[in-house]
Amino acid sequence: MPIDDPVKRKIAQHHLLFKSVCRRCGALNPLKATKCRRCHGKDLRLKKRDLRK
């Protein structure tokens, strides 16, 4: 179901798209994480996102 309200859309995008991904195991981590929560590796990248409107 599409979200029409711009405030709710921004909140949803933040919770779904703004994550860190571990390059070693692929686990999703918080954006401010410095280590992976699963394998404790330090090689994190930002989740790839396509912000369509």
N, C-alpha and C. Protein backbone atom coordinates (compact mmCIF):
# COMPACT_ATOMS: atom_id res chain seq x y z
N MET A 1 0.84 -1.16 0.00
CA MET A 1 0.00 0.00 0.00
C MET A 1 0.89 1.24 0.00
N PRO A 2 0.74 2.13 -0.96
CA PRO A 2 1.56 3.34 -1.02
C PRO A 2 1.22 4.30 0.12
N ILE A 3 2.24 5.02 0.57
CA ILE A 3 2.06 6.00 1.63
C ILE A 3 2.02 7.38 0.99
N ASP A 4 0.92 8.11 1.17
CA ASP A 4 0.75 9.41 0.54
C ASP A 4 1.25 10.56 1.42
N ASP A 5 1.19 10.40 2.73
CA ASP A 5 1.59 11.45 3.65
C ASP A 5 3.13 11.59 3.64
N PRO A 6 3.67 12.78 3.31
CA PRO A 6 5.13 12.93 3.21
C PRO A 6 5.87 12.71 4.53
N VAL A 7 5.25 13.02 5.66
CA VAL A 7 5.91 12.82 6.95
C VAL A 7 6.03 11.32 7.24
N LYS A 8 4.94 10.59 7.01
CA LYS A 8 4.97 9.14 7.23
C LYS A 8 5.91 8.45 6.25
N ARG A 9 5.99 8.96 5.01
CA ARG A 9 6.90 8.40 4.02
C ARG A 9 8.35 8.55 4.47
N LYS A 10 8.70 9.72 5.02
CA LYS A 10 10.06 9.96 5.49
C LYS A 10 10.41 9.04 6.65
N ILE A 11 9.47 8.84 7.58
CA ILE A 11 9.70 7.95 8.70
C ILE A 11 9.91 6.52 8.22
N ALA A 12 9.09 6.07 7.28
CA ALA A 12 9.20 4.71 6.75
C ALA A 12 10.52 4.52 6.02
N GLN A 13 10.93 5.50 5.22
CA GLN A 13 12.21 5.39 4.51
C GLN A 13 13.36 5.31 5.48
N HIS A 14 13.30 6.09 6.55
CA HIS A 14 14.39 6.08 7.52
C HIS A 14 14.51 4.70 8.17
N HIS A 15 13.39 4.10 8.55
CA HIS A 15 13.43 2.81 9.24
C HIS A 15 13.77 1.65 8.32
N LEU A 16 13.45 1.76 7.05
CA LEU A 16 13.68 0.65 6.13
C LEU A 16 14.99 0.75 5.36
N LEU A 17 15.44 1.97 5.04
CA LEU A 17 16.54 2.13 4.10
C LEU A 17 17.84 2.59 4.72
N PHE A 18 17.81 3.26 5.84
CA PHE A 18 19.03 3.82 6.41
C PHE A 18 19.62 2.84 7.41
N LYS A 19 20.36 1.86 6.89
CA LYS A 19 20.97 0.80 7.68
C LYS A 19 22.41 0.60 7.21
N SER A 20 23.19 -0.06 8.04
CA SER A 20 24.52 -0.51 7.66
C SER A 20 24.44 -2.01 7.40
N VAL A 21 25.19 -2.48 6.40
CA VAL A 21 25.22 -3.89 6.05
C VAL A 21 26.64 -4.40 6.22
N CYS A 22 26.77 -5.54 6.87
CA CYS A 22 28.09 -6.16 7.06
C CYS A 22 28.52 -6.80 5.75
N ARG A 23 29.74 -6.54 5.35
CA ARG A 23 30.25 -7.13 4.11
C ARG A 23 30.63 -8.60 4.30
N ARG A 24 30.81 -9.02 5.54
CA ARG A 24 31.23 -10.39 5.83
C ARG A 24 30.05 -11.35 5.91
N CYS A 25 29.01 -10.98 6.67
CA CYS A 25 27.90 -11.92 6.87
C CYS A 25 26.57 -11.41 6.31
N GLY A 26 26.48 -10.11 5.95
CA GLY A 26 25.27 -9.59 5.35
C GLY A 26 24.21 -9.14 6.34
N ALA A 27 24.54 -9.08 7.61
CA ALA A 27 23.56 -8.69 8.63
C ALA A 27 23.27 -7.19 8.55
N LEU A 28 22.03 -6.82 8.84
CA LEU A 28 21.65 -5.41 8.91
C LEU A 28 21.96 -4.88 10.31
N ASN A 29 22.56 -3.72 10.36
CA ASN A 29 22.97 -3.08 11.60
C ASN A 29 22.44 -1.66 11.62
N PRO A 30 22.41 -1.02 12.80
CA PRO A 30 22.04 0.39 12.86
C PRO A 30 23.03 1.24 12.08
N LEU A 31 22.59 2.42 11.68
CA LEU A 31 23.42 3.30 10.86
C LEU A 31 24.70 3.72 11.57
N LYS A 32 24.64 3.94 12.87
CA LYS A 32 25.80 4.40 13.63
C LYS A 32 26.70 3.27 14.13
N ALA A 33 26.42 2.04 13.75
CA ALA A 33 27.20 0.91 14.24
C ALA A 33 28.63 0.96 13.73
N THR A 34 29.56 0.52 14.58
CA THR A 34 30.96 0.44 14.17
C THR A 34 31.39 -1.02 13.99
N LYS A 35 30.66 -1.94 14.63
CA LYS A 35 30.92 -3.37 14.49
C LYS A 35 29.61 -4.07 14.18
N CYS A 36 29.72 -5.22 13.51
CA CYS A 36 28.55 -6.03 13.18
C CYS A 36 27.99 -6.66 14.45
N ARG A 37 26.67 -6.71 14.54
CA ARG A 37 26.05 -7.29 15.72
C ARG A 37 26.13 -8.82 15.70
N ARG A 38 26.30 -9.42 14.52
CA ARG A 38 26.31 -10.87 14.42
C ARG A 38 27.72 -11.46 14.45
N CYS A 39 28.61 -10.97 13.56
CA CYS A 39 29.94 -11.57 13.46
C CYS A 39 31.03 -10.70 14.06
N HIS A 40 30.68 -9.51 14.55
CA HIS A 40 31.60 -8.55 15.17
C HIS A 40 32.69 -8.06 14.22
N GLY A 41 32.46 -8.17 12.91
CA GLY A 41 33.39 -7.62 11.93
C GLY A 41 33.24 -6.11 11.84
N LYS A 42 34.30 -5.44 11.39
CA LYS A 42 34.28 -3.98 11.32
C LYS A 42 34.10 -3.45 9.90
N ASP A 43 33.92 -4.32 8.93
CA ASP A 43 33.79 -3.91 7.53
C ASP A 43 32.31 -3.73 7.20
N LEU A 44 31.79 -2.52 7.44
CA LEU A 44 30.38 -2.21 7.19
C LEU A 44 30.25 -1.25 6.03
N ARG A 45 29.13 -1.33 5.33
CA ARG A 45 28.82 -0.41 4.25
C ARG A 45 27.39 0.07 4.44
N LEU A 46 27.02 1.16 3.78
CA LEU A 46 25.64 1.64 3.81
C LEU A 46 24.77 0.78 2.91
N LYS A 47 23.54 0.60 3.28
CA LYS A 47 22.61 -0.16 2.46
C LYS A 47 22.34 0.62 1.18
N LYS A 48 22.33 -0.08 0.05
CA LYS A 48 22.03 0.57 -1.21
C LYS A 48 20.56 0.92 -1.23
N ARG A 49 20.25 2.16 -1.63
CA ARG A 49 18.86 2.60 -1.60
C ARG A 49 18.52 3.38 -2.86
N ASP A 50 17.30 3.22 -3.28
CA ASP A 50 16.76 3.93 -4.44
C ASP A 50 15.55 4.71 -3.93
N LEU A 51 15.70 6.01 -3.75
CA LEU A 51 14.65 6.84 -3.18
C LEU A 51 13.72 7.33 -4.28
N ARG A 52 12.74 6.51 -4.61
CA ARG A 52 11.76 6.90 -5.62
C ARG A 52 10.65 7.69 -4.97
N LYS A 53 10.06 8.60 -5.74
CA LYS A 53 8.97 9.40 -5.19
C LYS A 53 7.72 9.23 -6.00
